[in-house]
Amino acid sequence: MDRRNFIFKTGLAAASIPLLSSFITTNESPPPLFQNLTLPKALKKGDTIGVIAPGGAIFNKSSIEKCKIKLDTVGLNIVAGKTLTTQHGYLSDTDENRAKEIMDMFTNPNIKGILAMRGGSGCARVLQFLDYDIIKQNCKPFIGMSDVTALLTAFYSKAEMTSFHGPVGYSTWTDFTRKYFTETLFDKKGTEMLAPAHSDFYAINKGVAQGELIGGNLTVFSQLVGTPYLPDMHGKLLFMEDINEEPYRIDRMLMQLKLAGILSEVNGIIIGECRKCDPEEPEKSLSLKQVLQDHLSNLNIPVFYGAKFGHIKDKWTLPIGIKAEMNANIGSLKLLEPAVI
């Protein structure tokens, strides 16, 4: 991709959008929440990772074999967890059994990383059954998205370690997805992620900001407000996305974050492409874009829409708690430090 041409085109596109705030630079960040944030060891080809279902049940068993093929393309072997073949209603297993499998995967020295097969529902139900001290002592990459947001956030706030918002076993592992997965989890260096020219990128507030990454699925993240699993949000870069939510529901969740003081604490906000979030009856509804403008355009921090993570085909892999720099003028996110050791 011709980066200069992309920047020129997106700059023109952003300039044509009404209600944009003036250029904002927010580079002053507070000290890290955890001075000794634990980083996992980098993955390498030939490693074995555990694949589990920490939330929803896996009803399509052929997806297990498909997951093996996907991970083989990045040089990883898998051990399938028991929860891939069990069911407890819409959950993969009881809360206690799902928590036990997570702990077993962390303490097994032959398992070098853990991947969620899917999100679904129920990950928050296991948070109270996990031993975060043992998880921190056995830190390894834990990767997932959607409902897994609850686990990623808890690992940061309670185990003081980095985990990764990235593809799940159900995901489509495109070349784009594999590129950022390997750059983030295999390479001991920062990486820069840029919204491609065909994305839905637009700036809500222009500007550049730095902070530690935190976030994930908006529905799940907002439901952690008021619990001991949501960390101090001061100075963070908050990333959010969702799927199958009407604008009035997005409105409700953003209002919850606003009333909790979270939106006024963060240094910048990155919105992923929200699929199927258009109103069923447009003539009776605000649009998603209007809702985002209402809540975010007056915050005096950089904000952009169209980042590549979450419930979309091409995905970045975002490490929780790692310092990054966002540029809302061009839709980029740059990791300023390695996410693995």
C-alpha atoms as a PDB file:
ATOM      1  CA  MET A   1       0.000   0.000   0.000  1.00  0.00           C
ATOM      2  CA  ASP A   2       1.225   3.526  -0.802  1.00  0.00           C
ATOM      3  CA  ARG A   3       1.149   5.004   2.689  1.00  0.00           C
ATOM      4  CA  ARG A   4       1.570   8.603   1.507  1.00  0.00           C
ATOM      5  CA  ASN A   5      -1.317   8.265  -0.922  1.00  0.00           C
ATOM      6  CA  PHE A   6      -3.453   6.660   1.800  1.00  0.00           C
ATOM      7  CA  ILE A   7      -2.729   9.448   4.260  1.00  0.00           C
ATOM      8  CA  PHE A   8      -3.612  12.058   1.630  1.00  0.00           C
ATOM      9  CA  LYS A   9      -6.904  10.345   0.761  1.00  0.00           C
ATOM     10  CA  THR A  10      -7.983   9.738   4.351  1.00  0.00           C
ATOM     11  CA  GLY A  11      -7.022  13.270   5.269  1.00  0.00           C
ATOM     12  CA  LEU A  12      -9.391  14.599   2.627  1.00  0.00           C
ATOM     13  CA  ALA A  13     -12.117  12.215   3.754  1.00  0.00           C
ATOM     14  CA  ALA A  14     -11.767  13.226   7.365  1.00  0.00           C
ATOM     15  CA  ALA A  15     -11.780  16.910   6.457  1.00  0.00           C
ATOM     16  CA  SER A  16     -15.159  16.493   4.767  1.00  0.00           C
ATOM     17  CA  ILE A  17     -16.846  15.115   7.906  1.00  0.00           C
ATOM     18  CA  PRO A  18     -18.750  17.728   9.946  1.00  0.00           C
ATOM     19  CA  LEU A  19     -18.365  18.364  13.660  1.00  0.00           C
ATOM     20  CA  LEU A  20     -14.682  17.433  13.806  1.00  0.00           C
ATOM     21  CA  SER A  21     -12.846  18.924  16.768  1.00  0.00           C
ATOM     22  CA  SER A  22      -9.636  20.854  16.247  1.00  0.00           C
ATOM     23  CA  PHE A  23      -6.327  19.021  16.215  1.00  0.00           C
ATOM     24  CA  ILE A  24      -5.583  17.498  19.623  1.00  0.00           C
ATOM     25  CA  THR A  25      -2.305  16.186  20.950  1.00  0.00           C
ATOM     26  CA  THR A  26      -2.447  14.236  24.201  1.00  0.00           C
ATOM     27  CA  ASN A  27       0.927  12.679  24.890  1.00  0.00           C
ATOM     28  CA  GLU A  28       1.253  13.118  28.622  1.00  0.00           C
ATOM     29  CA  SER A  29       0.446   9.820  30.301  1.00  0.00           C
ATOM     30  CA  PRO A  30       0.497   8.937  33.992  1.00  0.00           C
ATOM     31  CA  PRO A  31       2.875   6.260  35.240  1.00  0.00           C
ATOM     32  CA  PRO A  32       1.781   2.726  34.312  1.00  0.00           C
ATOM     33  CA  LEU A  33      -0.866   1.250  36.575  1.00  0.00           C
ATOM     34  CA  PHE A  34       1.525  -1.623  37.274  1.00  0.00           C
ATOM     35  CA  GLN A  35       5.199  -0.697  37.297  1.00  0.00           C
ATOM     36  CA  ASN A  36       6.124  -4.356  36.758  1.00  0.00           C
ATOM     37  CA  LEU A  37       3.455  -5.486  34.311  1.00  0.00           C
ATOM     38  CA  THR A  38       4.171  -9.131  33.540  1.00  0.00           C
ATOM     39  CA  LEU A  39       4.735  -9.938  29.872  1.00  0.00           C
ATOM     40  CA  PRO A  40       4.456 -13.472  28.478  1.00  0.00           C
ATOM     41  CA  LYS A  41       7.196 -15.215  26.548  1.00  0.00           C
ATOM     42  CA  ALA A  42       7.018 -14.815  22.788  1.00  0.00           C
ATOM     43  CA  LEU A  43       5.470 -17.632  20.831  1.00  0.00           C
ATOM     44  CA  LYS A  44       7.623 -19.419  18.286  1.00  0.00           C
ATOM     45  CA  LYS A  45       6.985 -21.891  15.509  1.00  0.00           C
ATOM     46  CA  GLY A  46       6.515 -25.389  16.844  1.00  0.00           C
ATOM     47  CA  ASP A  47       4.936 -24.232  20.118  1.00  0.00           C
ATOM     48  CA  THR A  48       1.792 -25.910  21.398  1.00  0.00           C
ATOM     49  CA  ILE A  49      -1.128 -23.797  22.545  1.00  0.00           C
ATOM     50  CA  GLY A  50      -4.286 -24.852  24.328  1.00  0.00           C
ATOM     51  CA  VAL A  51      -7.599 -24.104  22.620  1.00  0.00           C
ATOM     52  CA  ILE A  52     -10.566 -23.792  24.972  1.00  0.00           C
ATOM     53  CA  ALA A  53     -14.159 -22.587  25.132  1.00  0.00           C
ATOM     54  CA  PRO A  54     -14.208 -20.336  28.229  1.00  0.00           C
ATOM     55  CA  GLY A  55     -17.729 -19.071  27.490  1.00  0.00           C
ATOM     56  CA  GLY A  56     -20.174 -20.351  24.904  1.00  0.00           C
ATOM     57  CA  ALA A  57     -20.527 -23.975  23.848  1.00  0.00           C
ATOM     58  CA  ILE A  58     -19.044 -25.259  20.578  1.00  0.00           C
ATOM     59  CA  PHE A  59     -21.949 -26.748  18.662  1.00  0.00           C
ATOM     60  CA  ASN A  60     -20.045 -27.254  15.390  1.00  0.00           C
ATOM     61  CA  LYS A  61     -17.374 -29.836  16.244  1.00  0.00           C
ATOM     62  CA  SER A  62     -15.822 -29.592  12.764  1.00  0.00           C
ATOM     63  CA  SER A  63     -14.541 -26.171  13.840  1.00  0.00           C
ATOM     64  CA  ILE A  64     -11.950 -27.911  16.019  1.00  0.00           C
ATOM     65  CA  GLU A  65     -10.223 -29.463  13.027  1.00  0.00           C
ATOM     66  CA  LYS A  66     -10.527 -26.191  11.117  1.00  0.00           C
ATOM     67  CA  CYS A  67      -8.847 -24.413  14.015  1.00  0.00           C
ATOM     68  CA  LYS A  68      -5.917 -26.847  13.830  1.00  0.00           C
ATOM     69  CA  ILE A  69      -5.463 -25.978  10.167  1.00  0.00           C
ATOM     70  CA  LYS A  70      -5.619 -22.226  10.855  1.00  0.00           C
ATOM     71  CA  LEU A  71      -2.997 -22.372  13.584  1.00  0.00           C
ATOM     72  CA  ASP A  72      -0.794 -24.620  11.488  1.00  0.00           C
ATOM     73  CA  THR A  73      -0.475 -21.710   9.039  1.00  0.00           C
ATOM     74  CA  VAL A  74       1.376 -19.735  11.743  1.00  0.00           C
ATOM     75  CA  GLY A  75       3.419 -22.731  12.876  1.00  0.00           C
ATOM     76  CA  LEU A  76       1.508 -23.591  16.054  1.00  0.00           C
ATOM     77  CA  ASN A  77       0.245 -26.950  17.308  1.00  0.00           C
ATOM     78  CA  ILE A  78      -2.855 -27.262  19.460  1.00  0.00           C
ATOM     79  CA  VAL A  79      -4.138 -29.227  22.411  1.00  0.00           C
ATOM     80  CA  ALA A  80      -7.939 -29.224  22.428  1.00  0.00           C
ATOM     81  CA  GLY A  81      -9.486 -28.490  25.811  1.00  0.00           C
ATOM     82  CA  LYS A  82     -12.312 -30.581  27.213  1.00  0.00           C
ATOM     83  CA  THR A  83     -14.679 -27.621  26.964  1.00  0.00           C
ATOM     84  CA  LEU A  84     -14.605 -27.873  23.171  1.00  0.00           C
ATOM     85  CA  THR A  85     -16.723 -31.037  23.407  1.00  0.00           C
ATOM     86  CA  THR A  86     -18.885 -30.424  26.493  1.00  0.00           C
ATOM     87  CA  GLN A  87     -22.093 -28.426  26.902  1.00  0.00           C
ATOM     88  CA  HIS A  88     -24.016 -26.838  29.771  1.00  0.00           C
ATOM     89  CA  GLY A  89     -26.954 -25.107  28.109  1.00  0.00           C
ATOM     90  CA  TYR A  90     -25.556 -22.206  26.079  1.00  0.00           C
ATOM     91  CA  LEU A  91     -22.302 -22.516  28.063  1.00  0.00           C
ATOM     92  CA  SER A  92     -19.509 -24.942  27.281  1.00  0.00           C
ATOM     93  CA  ASP A  93     -19.467 -26.285  30.852  1.00  0.00           C
ATOM     94  CA  THR A  94     -20.173 -25.258  34.430  1.00  0.00           C
ATOM     95  CA  ASP A  95     -18.463 -22.149  35.762  1.00  0.00           C
ATOM     96  CA  GLU A  96     -16.175 -24.199  38.001  1.00  0.00           C
ATOM     97  CA  ASN A  97     -15.121 -26.572  35.204  1.00  0.00           C
ATOM     98  CA  ARG A  98     -14.418 -23.754  32.777  1.00  0.00           C
ATOM     99  CA  ALA A  99     -12.350 -21.950  35.407  1.00  0.00           C
ATOM    100  CA  LYS A 100     -10.469 -25.168  36.218  1.00  0.00           C
ATOM    101  CA  GLU A 101      -9.571 -25.665  32.567  1.00  0.00           C
ATOM    102  CA  ILE A 102      -8.224 -22.114  32.336  1.00  0.00           C
ATOM    103  CA  MET A 103      -6.069 -22.736  35.413  1.00  0.00           C
ATOM    104  CA  ASP A 104      -4.884 -26.105  34.080  1.00  0.00           C
ATOM    105  CA  MET A 105      -3.845 -24.503  30.796  1.00  0.00           C
ATOM    106  CA  PHE A 106      -1.856 -21.820  32.601  1.00  0.00           C
ATOM    107  CA  THR A 107      -0.054 -24.266  34.909  1.00  0.00           C
ATOM    108  CA  ASN A 108       0.747 -26.863  32.225  1.00  0.00           C
ATOM    109  CA  PRO A 109       4.397 -26.163  31.251  1.00  0.00           C
ATOM    110  CA  ASN A 110       3.947 -27.813  27.851  1.00  0.00           C
ATOM    111  CA  ILE A 111       1.275 -25.287  26.864  1.00  0.00           C
ATOM    112  CA  LYS A 112       2.918 -22.078  25.644  1.00  0.00           C
ATOM    113  CA  GLY A 113      -0.234 -20.069  24.977  1.00  0.00           C
ATOM    114  CA  ILE A 114      -4.028 -20.226  25.233  1.00  0.00           C
ATOM    115  CA  LEU A 115      -6.578 -19.400  22.532  1.00  0.00           C
ATOM    116  CA  ALA A 116     -10.332 -19.087  22.975  1.00  0.00           C
ATOM    117  CA  MET A 117     -12.312 -20.930  20.307  1.00  0.00           C
ATOM    118  CA  ARG A 118     -15.131 -18.387  20.593  1.00  0.00           C
ATOM    119  CA  GLY A 119     -16.702 -15.848  22.915  1.00  0.00           C
ATOM    120  CA  GLY A 120     -20.422 -16.337  23.237  1.00  0.00           C
ATOM    121  CA  SER A 121     -21.501 -15.718  26.817  1.00  0.00           C
ATOM    122  CA  GLY A 122     -20.456 -16.607  30.330  1.00  0.00           C
ATOM    123  CA  CYS A 123     -16.787 -15.603  30.627  1.00  0.00           C
ATOM    124  CA  ALA A 124     -17.571 -13.148  33.432  1.00  0.00           C
ATOM    125  CA  ARG A 125     -19.104 -16.011  35.403  1.00  0.00           C
ATOM    126  CA  VAL A 126     -15.686 -17.660  35.869  1.00  0.00           C
ATOM    127  CA  LEU A 127     -13.788 -14.573  37.090  1.00  0.00           C
ATOM    128  CA  GLN A 128     -14.492 -15.282  40.769  1.00  0.00           C
ATOM    129  CA  PHE A 129     -13.122 -18.833  40.498  1.00  0.00           C
ATOM    130  CA  LEU A 130      -9.676 -17.948  39.081  1.00  0.00           C
ATOM    131  CA  ASP A 131      -6.449 -17.720  41.092  1.00  0.00           C
ATOM    132  CA  TYR A 132      -4.814 -14.606  39.684  1.00  0.00           C
ATOM    133  CA  ASP A 133      -1.579 -15.021  41.634  1.00  0.00           C
ATOM    134  CA  ILE A 134      -0.993 -18.418  40.030  1.00  0.00           C
ATOM    135  CA  ILE A 135      -1.948 -17.037  36.612  1.00  0.00           C
ATOM    136  CA  LYS A 136       0.604 -14.245  36.995  1.00  0.00           C
ATOM    137  CA  GLN A 137       3.283 -16.739  38.050  1.00  0.00           C
ATOM    138  CA  ASN A 138       2.555 -18.803  34.932  1.00  0.00           C
ATOM    139  CA  CYS A 139       2.034 -15.903  32.544  1.00  0.00           C
ATOM    140  CA  LYS A 140       1.616 -16.934  28.901  1.00  0.00           C
ATOM    141  CA  PRO A 141      -0.243 -15.446  25.924  1.00  0.00           C
ATOM    142  CA  PHE A 142      -4.011 -15.652  26.268  1.00  0.00           C
ATOM    143  CA  ILE A 143      -5.842 -14.611  23.099  1.00  0.00           C
ATOM    144  CA  GLY A 144      -9.509 -13.957  22.439  1.00  0.00           C
ATOM    145  CA  MET A 145     -12.204 -11.354  21.746  1.00  0.00           C
ATOM    146  CA  SER A 146     -15.905 -10.629  22.167  1.00  0.00           C
ATOM    147  CA  ASP A 147     -17.127 -12.119  25.479  1.00  0.00           C
ATOM    148  CA  VAL A 148     -13.494 -13.007  26.279  1.00  0.00           C
ATOM    149  CA  THR A 149     -13.076  -9.252  26.944  1.00  0.00           C
ATOM    150  CA  ALA A 150     -14.090 -10.036  30.546  1.00  0.00           C
ATOM    151  CA  LEU A 151     -11.123 -12.382  30.981  1.00  0.00           C
ATOM    152  CA  LEU A 152      -8.624 -10.087  29.249  1.00  0.00           C
ATOM    153  CA  THR A 153      -9.629  -7.183  31.471  1.00  0.00           C
ATOM    154  CA  ALA A 154      -9.473  -9.287  34.639  1.00  0.00           C
ATOM    155  CA  PHE A 155      -6.026 -10.667  33.752  1.00  0.00           C
ATOM    156  CA  TYR A 156      -4.792  -7.074  33.497  1.00  0.00           C
ATOM    157  CA  SER A 157      -6.443  -5.734  36.642  1.00  0.00           C
ATOM    158  CA  LYS A 158      -6.031  -8.780  38.905  1.00  0.00           C
ATOM    159  CA  ALA A 159      -3.031 -10.729  37.552  1.00  0.00           C
ATOM    160  CA  GLU A 160      -1.170  -7.592  36.401  1.00  0.00           C
ATOM    161  CA  MET A 161      -0.250  -9.224  33.097  1.00  0.00           C
ATOM    162  CA  THR A 162      -0.659  -8.651  29.390  1.00  0.00           C
ATOM    163  CA  SER A 163      -3.152 -10.663  27.366  1.00  0.00           C
ATOM    164  CA  PHE A 164      -4.276 -10.190  23.780  1.00  0.00           C
ATOM    165  CA  HIS A 165      -7.447  -9.048  22.053  1.00  0.00           C
ATOM    166  CA  GLY A 166      -7.174 -10.957  18.796  1.00  0.00           C
ATOM    167  CA  PRO A 167      -8.664 -13.693  16.634  1.00  0.00           C
ATOM    168  CA  VAL A 168     -10.440 -16.712  18.091  1.00  0.00           C
ATOM    169  CA  GLY A 169     -10.587 -20.215  16.671  1.00  0.00           C
ATOM    170  CA  TYR A 170     -13.848 -19.396  14.905  1.00  0.00           C
ATOM    171  CA  SER A 171     -12.278 -16.371  13.182  1.00  0.00           C
ATOM    172  CA  THR A 172     -11.322 -16.136   9.547  1.00  0.00           C
ATOM    173  CA  TRP A 173      -7.519 -16.151   9.642  1.00  0.00           C
ATOM    174  CA  THR A 174      -6.694 -13.955   6.655  1.00  0.00           C
ATOM    175  CA  ASP A 175      -3.174 -12.895   5.640  1.00  0.00           C
ATOM    176  CA  PHE A 176      -3.933  -9.556   7.331  1.00  0.00           C
ATOM    177  CA  THR A 177      -4.918 -11.278  10.591  1.00  0.00           C
ATOM    178  CA  ARG A 178      -1.917 -13.627  10.544  1.00  0.00           C
ATOM    179  CA  LYS A 179       0.457 -10.714   9.903  1.00  0.00           C
ATOM    180  CA  TYR A 180      -0.533  -8.798  13.019  1.00  0.00           C
ATOM    181  CA  PHE A 181      -0.929 -11.949  15.114  1.00  0.00           C
ATOM    182  CA  THR A 182       2.664 -12.999  14.428  1.00  0.00           C
ATOM    183  CA  GLU A 183       4.128  -9.486  14.623  1.00  0.00           C
ATOM    184  CA  THR A 184       2.559  -8.952  18.050  1.00  0.00           C
ATOM    185  CA  LEU A 185       3.017 -12.415  19.576  1.00  0.00           C
ATOM    186  CA  PHE A 186       6.163 -13.765  17.891  1.00  0.00           C
ATOM    187  CA  ASP A 187       8.309 -10.631  17.469  1.00  0.00           C
ATOM    188  CA  LYS A 188       9.897  -8.871  20.434  1.00  0.00           C
ATOM    189  CA  LYS A 189       9.278  -5.387  19.079  1.00  0.00           C
ATOM    190  CA  GLY A 190       6.509  -2.860  18.662  1.00  0.00           C
ATOM    191  CA  THR A 191       4.392  -2.814  15.533  1.00  0.00           C
ATOM    192  CA  GLU A 192       2.343  -0.212  13.698  1.00  0.00           C
ATOM    193  CA  MET A 193      -1.221  -0.877  12.592  1.00  0.00           C
ATOM    194  CA  LEU A 194      -2.918   1.253   9.976  1.00  0.00           C
ATOM    195  CA  ALA A 195      -6.530   1.222   8.828  1.00  0.00           C
ATOM    196  CA  PRO A 196      -6.371   0.071   5.175  1.00  0.00           C
ATOM    197  CA  ALA A 197      -7.670   2.261   2.363  1.00  0.00           C
ATOM    198  CA  HIS A 198     -10.860   0.184   1.956  1.00  0.00           C
ATOM    199  CA  SER A 199     -11.862   0.535   5.630  1.00  0.00           C
ATOM    200  CA  ASP A 200     -14.678   2.661   7.065  1.00  0.00           C
ATOM    201  CA  PHE A 201     -12.203   4.949   8.829  1.00  0.00           C
ATOM    202  CA  TYR A 202     -13.172   8.474   9.813  1.00  0.00           C
ATOM    203  CA  ALA A 203     -11.965  10.816  12.530  1.00  0.00           C
ATOM    204  CA  ILE A 204     -14.394  12.069  15.159  1.00  0.00           C
ATOM    205  CA  ASN A 205     -11.729  14.191  16.869  1.00  0.00           C
ATOM    206  CA  LYS A 206      -8.377  14.605  15.153  1.00  0.00           C
ATOM    207  CA  GLY A 207      -5.185  14.306  17.124  1.00  0.00           C
ATOM    208  CA  VAL A 208      -2.463  12.069  18.537  1.00  0.00           C
ATOM    209  CA  ALA A 209      -2.433  10.452  21.977  1.00  0.00           C
ATOM    210  CA  GLN A 210      -0.489   7.889  23.968  1.00  0.00           C
ATOM    211  CA  GLY A 211      -1.534   5.547  26.737  1.00  0.00           C
ATOM    212  CA  GLU A 212      -1.907   1.937  27.793  1.00  0.00           C
ATOM    213  CA  LEU A 213      -4.342  -0.102  25.697  1.00  0.00           C
ATOM    214  CA  ILE A 214      -7.489  -1.398  27.342  1.00  0.00           C
ATOM    215  CA  GLY A 215     -10.888  -2.402  26.018  1.00  0.00           C
ATOM    216  CA  GLY A 216     -12.604  -4.899  23.765  1.00  0.00           C
ATOM    217  CA  ASN A 217     -16.289  -5.583  23.228  1.00  0.00           C
ATOM    218  CA  LEU A 218     -18.345  -2.590  24.361  1.00  0.00           C
ATOM    219  CA  THR A 219     -21.229  -4.634  25.775  1.00  0.00           C
ATOM    220  CA  VAL A 220     -18.969  -6.801  27.928  1.00  0.00           C
ATOM    221  CA  PHE A 221     -16.603  -4.003  28.938  1.00  0.00           C
ATOM    222  CA  SER A 222     -19.423  -1.694  30.062  1.00  0.00           C
ATOM    223  CA  GLN A 223     -20.869  -4.486  32.209  1.00  0.00           C
ATOM    224  CA  LEU A 224     -17.637  -4.565  34.232  1.00  0.00           C
ATOM    225  CA  VAL A 225     -18.267  -1.024  35.480  1.00  0.00           C
ATOM    226  CA  GLY A 226     -18.694  -1.124  39.251  1.00  0.00           C
ATOM    227  CA  THR A 227     -16.931  -4.481  39.610  1.00  0.00           C
ATOM    228  CA  PRO A 228     -13.430  -5.079  41.014  1.00  0.00           C
ATOM    229  CA  TYR A 229     -12.290  -6.289  37.587  1.00  0.00           C
ATOM    230  CA  LEU A 230     -12.259  -2.912  35.827  1.00  0.00           C
ATOM    231  CA  PRO A 231      -8.864  -1.198  36.276  1.00  0.00           C
ATOM    232  CA  ASP A 232      -8.119   2.471  36.809  1.00  0.00           C
ATOM    233  CA  MET A 233      -8.870   4.030  33.410  1.00  0.00           C
ATOM    234  CA  HIS A 234      -6.913   7.260  33.887  1.00  0.00           C
ATOM    235  CA  GLY A 235      -4.658   7.965  30.904  1.00  0.00           C
ATOM    236  CA  LYS A 236      -5.619   4.836  28.963  1.00  0.00           C
ATOM    237  CA  LEU A 237      -6.296   4.383  25.267  1.00  0.00           C
ATOM    238  CA  LEU A 238      -9.756   2.805  25.218  1.00  0.00           C
ATOM    239  CA  PHE A 239     -10.656   0.603  22.241  1.00  0.00           C
ATOM    240  CA  MET A 240     -14.242  -0.602  21.721  1.00  0.00           C
ATOM    241  CA  GLU A 241     -16.365  -2.431  19.157  1.00  0.00           C
ATOM    242  CA  ASP A 242     -19.638  -4.316  18.955  1.00  0.00           C
ATOM    243  CA  ILE A 243     -21.922  -6.319  16.699  1.00  0.00           C
ATOM    244  CA  ASN A 244     -25.700  -6.719  16.352  1.00  0.00           C
ATOM    245  CA  GLU A 245     -26.470  -3.770  18.616  1.00  0.00           C
ATOM    246  CA  GLU A 246     -29.004  -1.098  17.670  1.00  0.00           C
ATOM    247  CA  PRO A 247     -27.755   2.521  18.021  1.00  0.00           C
ATOM    248  CA  TYR A 248     -29.963   3.078  21.086  1.00  0.00           C
ATOM    249  CA  ARG A 249     -28.138   0.228  22.832  1.00  0.00           C
ATOM    250  CA  ILE A 250     -24.736   1.664  21.890  1.00  0.00           C
ATOM    251  CA  ASP A 251     -26.068   4.985  23.219  1.00  0.00           C
ATOM    252  CA  ARG A 252     -27.015   3.330  26.513  1.00  0.00           C
ATOM    253  CA  MET A 253     -23.610   1.683  26.980  1.00  0.00           C
ATOM    254  CA  LEU A 254     -21.628   4.817  26.113  1.00  0.00           C
ATOM    255  CA  MET A 255     -23.808   6.751  28.548  1.00  0.00           C
ATOM    256  CA  GLN A 256     -22.921   4.231  31.246  1.00  0.00           C
ATOM    257  CA  LEU A 257     -19.205   4.764  30.579  1.00  0.00           C
ATOM    258  CA  LYS A 258     -19.733   8.522  30.567  1.00  0.00           C
ATOM    259  CA  LEU A 259     -21.679   8.598  33.855  1.00  0.00           C
ATOM    260  CA  ALA A 260     -19.041   6.352  35.446  1.00  0.00           C
ATOM    261  CA  GLY A 261     -16.428   8.984  34.556  1.00  0.00           C
ATOM    262  CA  ILE A 262     -14.504   6.669  32.246  1.00  0.00           C
ATOM    263  CA  LEU A 263     -14.794   8.684  29.029  1.00  0.00           C
ATOM    264  CA  SER A 264     -13.416  11.771  30.760  1.00  0.00           C
ATOM    265  CA  GLU A 265     -10.412   9.862  32.160  1.00  0.00           C
ATOM    266  CA  VAL A 266      -8.954   8.267  29.036  1.00  0.00           C
ATOM    267  CA  ASN A 267      -6.405   9.866  26.699  1.00  0.00           C
ATOM    268  CA  GLY A 268      -7.993   8.639  23.487  1.00  0.00           C
ATOM    269  CA  ILE A 269     -10.672   6.354  22.065  1.00  0.00           C
ATOM    270  CA  ILE A 270     -10.431   3.903  19.164  1.00  0.00           C
ATOM    271  CA  ILE A 271     -13.685   2.531  17.763  1.00  0.00           C
ATOM    272  CA  GLY A 272     -13.585  -0.661  15.739  1.00  0.00           C
ATOM    273  CA  GLU A 273     -15.864  -1.326  12.793  1.00  0.00           C
ATOM    274  CA  CYS A 274     -19.249  -2.137  14.320  1.00  0.00           C
ATOM    275  CA  ARG A 275     -21.054  -4.676  12.134  1.00  0.00           C
ATOM    276  CA  LYS A 276     -24.833  -4.903  11.966  1.00  0.00           C
ATOM    277  CA  CYS A 277     -25.299  -1.901  14.254  1.00  0.00           C
ATOM    278  CA  ASP A 278     -27.597   0.009  11.905  1.00  0.00           C
ATOM    279  CA  PRO A 279     -31.121   0.793  13.139  1.00  0.00           C
ATOM    280  CA  GLU A 280     -33.888  -1.550  12.061  1.00  0.00           C
ATOM    281  CA  GLU A 281     -36.135   1.468  11.504  1.00  0.00           C
ATOM    282  CA  PRO A 282     -33.815   4.313  10.406  1.00  0.00           C
ATOM    283  CA  GLU A 283     -36.614   6.884  10.240  1.00  0.00           C
ATOM    284  CA  LYS A 284     -37.213   6.403  13.978  1.00  0.00           C
ATOM    285  CA  SER A 285     -33.598   6.272  15.111  1.00  0.00           C
ATOM    286  CA  LEU A 286     -30.334   8.103  15.368  1.00  0.00           C
ATOM    287  CA  SER A 287     -27.593   6.517  13.292  1.00  0.00           C
ATOM    288  CA  LEU A 288     -24.578   4.884  14.886  1.00  0.00           C
ATOM    289  CA  LYS A 289     -22.438   7.757  13.638  1.00  0.00           C
ATOM    290  CA  GLN A 290     -24.734  10.301  15.278  1.00  0.00           C
ATOM    291  CA  VAL A 291     -24.594   8.432  18.586  1.00  0.00           C
ATOM    292  CA  LEU A 292     -20.803   8.326  18.481  1.00  0.00           C
ATOM    293  CA  GLN A 293     -20.646  12.035  17.656  1.00  0.00           C
ATOM    294  CA  ASP A 294     -23.050  12.893  20.498  1.00  0.00           C
ATOM    295  CA  HIS A 295     -20.966  11.114  23.126  1.00  0.00           C
ATOM    296  CA  LEU A 296     -17.399  11.480  21.870  1.00  0.00           C
ATOM    297  CA  SER A 297     -16.973  14.651  19.778  1.00  0.00           C
ATOM    298  CA  ASN A 298     -16.881  17.003  22.792  1.00  0.00           C
ATOM    299  CA  LEU A 299     -14.364  15.038  24.882  1.00  0.00           C
ATOM    300  CA  ASN A 300     -11.324  17.027  23.681  1.00  0.00           C
ATOM    301  CA  ILE A 301      -9.338  13.842  23.078  1.00  0.00           C
ATOM    302  CA  PRO A 302      -8.492  12.053  19.805  1.00  0.00           C
ATOM    303  CA  VAL A 303     -11.183   9.630  18.627  1.00  0.00           C
ATOM    304  CA  PHE A 304     -11.488   7.680  15.398  1.00  0.00           C
ATOM    305  CA  TYR A 305     -13.789   5.036  13.961  1.00  0.00           C
ATOM    306  CA  GLY A 306     -12.900   2.128  11.686  1.00  0.00           C
ATOM    307  CA  ALA A 307     -10.075   0.319  13.503  1.00  0.00           C
ATOM    308  CA  LYS A 308      -9.496  -3.300  12.492  1.00  0.00           C
ATOM    309  CA  PHE A 309     -10.374  -5.481  15.458  1.00  0.00           C
ATOM    310  CA  GLY A 310     -13.310  -7.457  16.772  1.00  0.00           C
ATOM    311  CA  HIS A 311     -16.140  -9.025  14.783  1.00  0.00           C
ATOM    312  CA  ILE A 312     -14.684  -8.398  11.338  1.00  0.00           C
ATOM    313  CA  LYS A 313     -12.718 -10.446   8.839  1.00  0.00           C
ATOM    314  CA  ASP A 314      -9.330  -8.688   9.090  1.00  0.00           C
ATOM    315  CA  LYS A 315      -8.042  -8.161  12.639  1.00  0.00           C
ATOM    316  CA  TRP A 316      -5.242  -6.506  14.513  1.00  0.00           C
ATOM    317  CA  THR A 317      -3.945  -8.237  17.648  1.00  0.00           C
ATOM    318  CA  LEU A 318      -4.013  -5.718  20.509  1.00  0.00           C
ATOM    319  CA  PRO A 319      -2.054  -6.325  23.744  1.00  0.00           C
ATOM    320  CA  ILE A 320      -3.826  -5.192  26.897  1.00  0.00           C
ATOM    321  CA  GLY A 321      -1.793  -2.818  29.077  1.00  0.00           C
ATOM    322  CA  ILE A 322       0.934  -2.107  26.523  1.00  0.00           C
ATOM    323  CA  LYS A 323       1.749   1.541  25.815  1.00  0.00           C
ATOM    324  CA  ALA A 324       0.687   2.649  22.345  1.00  0.00           C
ATOM    325  CA  GLU A 325       0.211   5.770  20.260  1.00  0.00           C
ATOM    326  CA  MET A 326      -2.962   6.431  18.295  1.00  0.00           C
ATOM    327  CA  ASN A 327      -3.196   8.879  15.420  1.00  0.00           C
ATOM    328  CA  ALA A 328      -6.790   9.830  14.692  1.00  0.00           C
ATOM    329  CA  ASN A 329      -5.737  11.811  11.620  1.00  0.00           C
ATOM    330  CA  ILE A 330      -4.842   8.679   9.652  1.00  0.00           C
ATOM    331  CA  GLY A 331      -6.425   5.857  11.666  1.00  0.00           C
ATOM    332  CA  SER A 332      -3.241   4.310  12.987  1.00  0.00           C
ATOM    333  CA  LEU A 333      -2.190   2.607  16.191  1.00  0.00           C
ATOM    334  CA  LYS A 334       1.465   2.008  17.034  1.00  0.00           C
ATOM    335  CA  LEU A 335       2.729  -0.194  19.846  1.00  0.00           C
ATOM    336  CA  LEU A 336       5.518   1.709  21.614  1.00  0.00           C
ATOM    337  CA  GLU A 337       6.941  -1.305  23.431  1.00  0.00           C
ATOM    338  CA  PRO A 338       7.090  -5.063  22.980  1.00  0.00           C
ATOM    339  CA  ALA A 339       4.153  -7.115  24.214  1.00  0.00           C
ATOM    340  CA  VAL A 340       6.243 -10.274  24.760  1.00  0.00           C
ATOM    341  CA  ILE A 341       9.691 -11.101  26.116  1.00  0.00           C
END
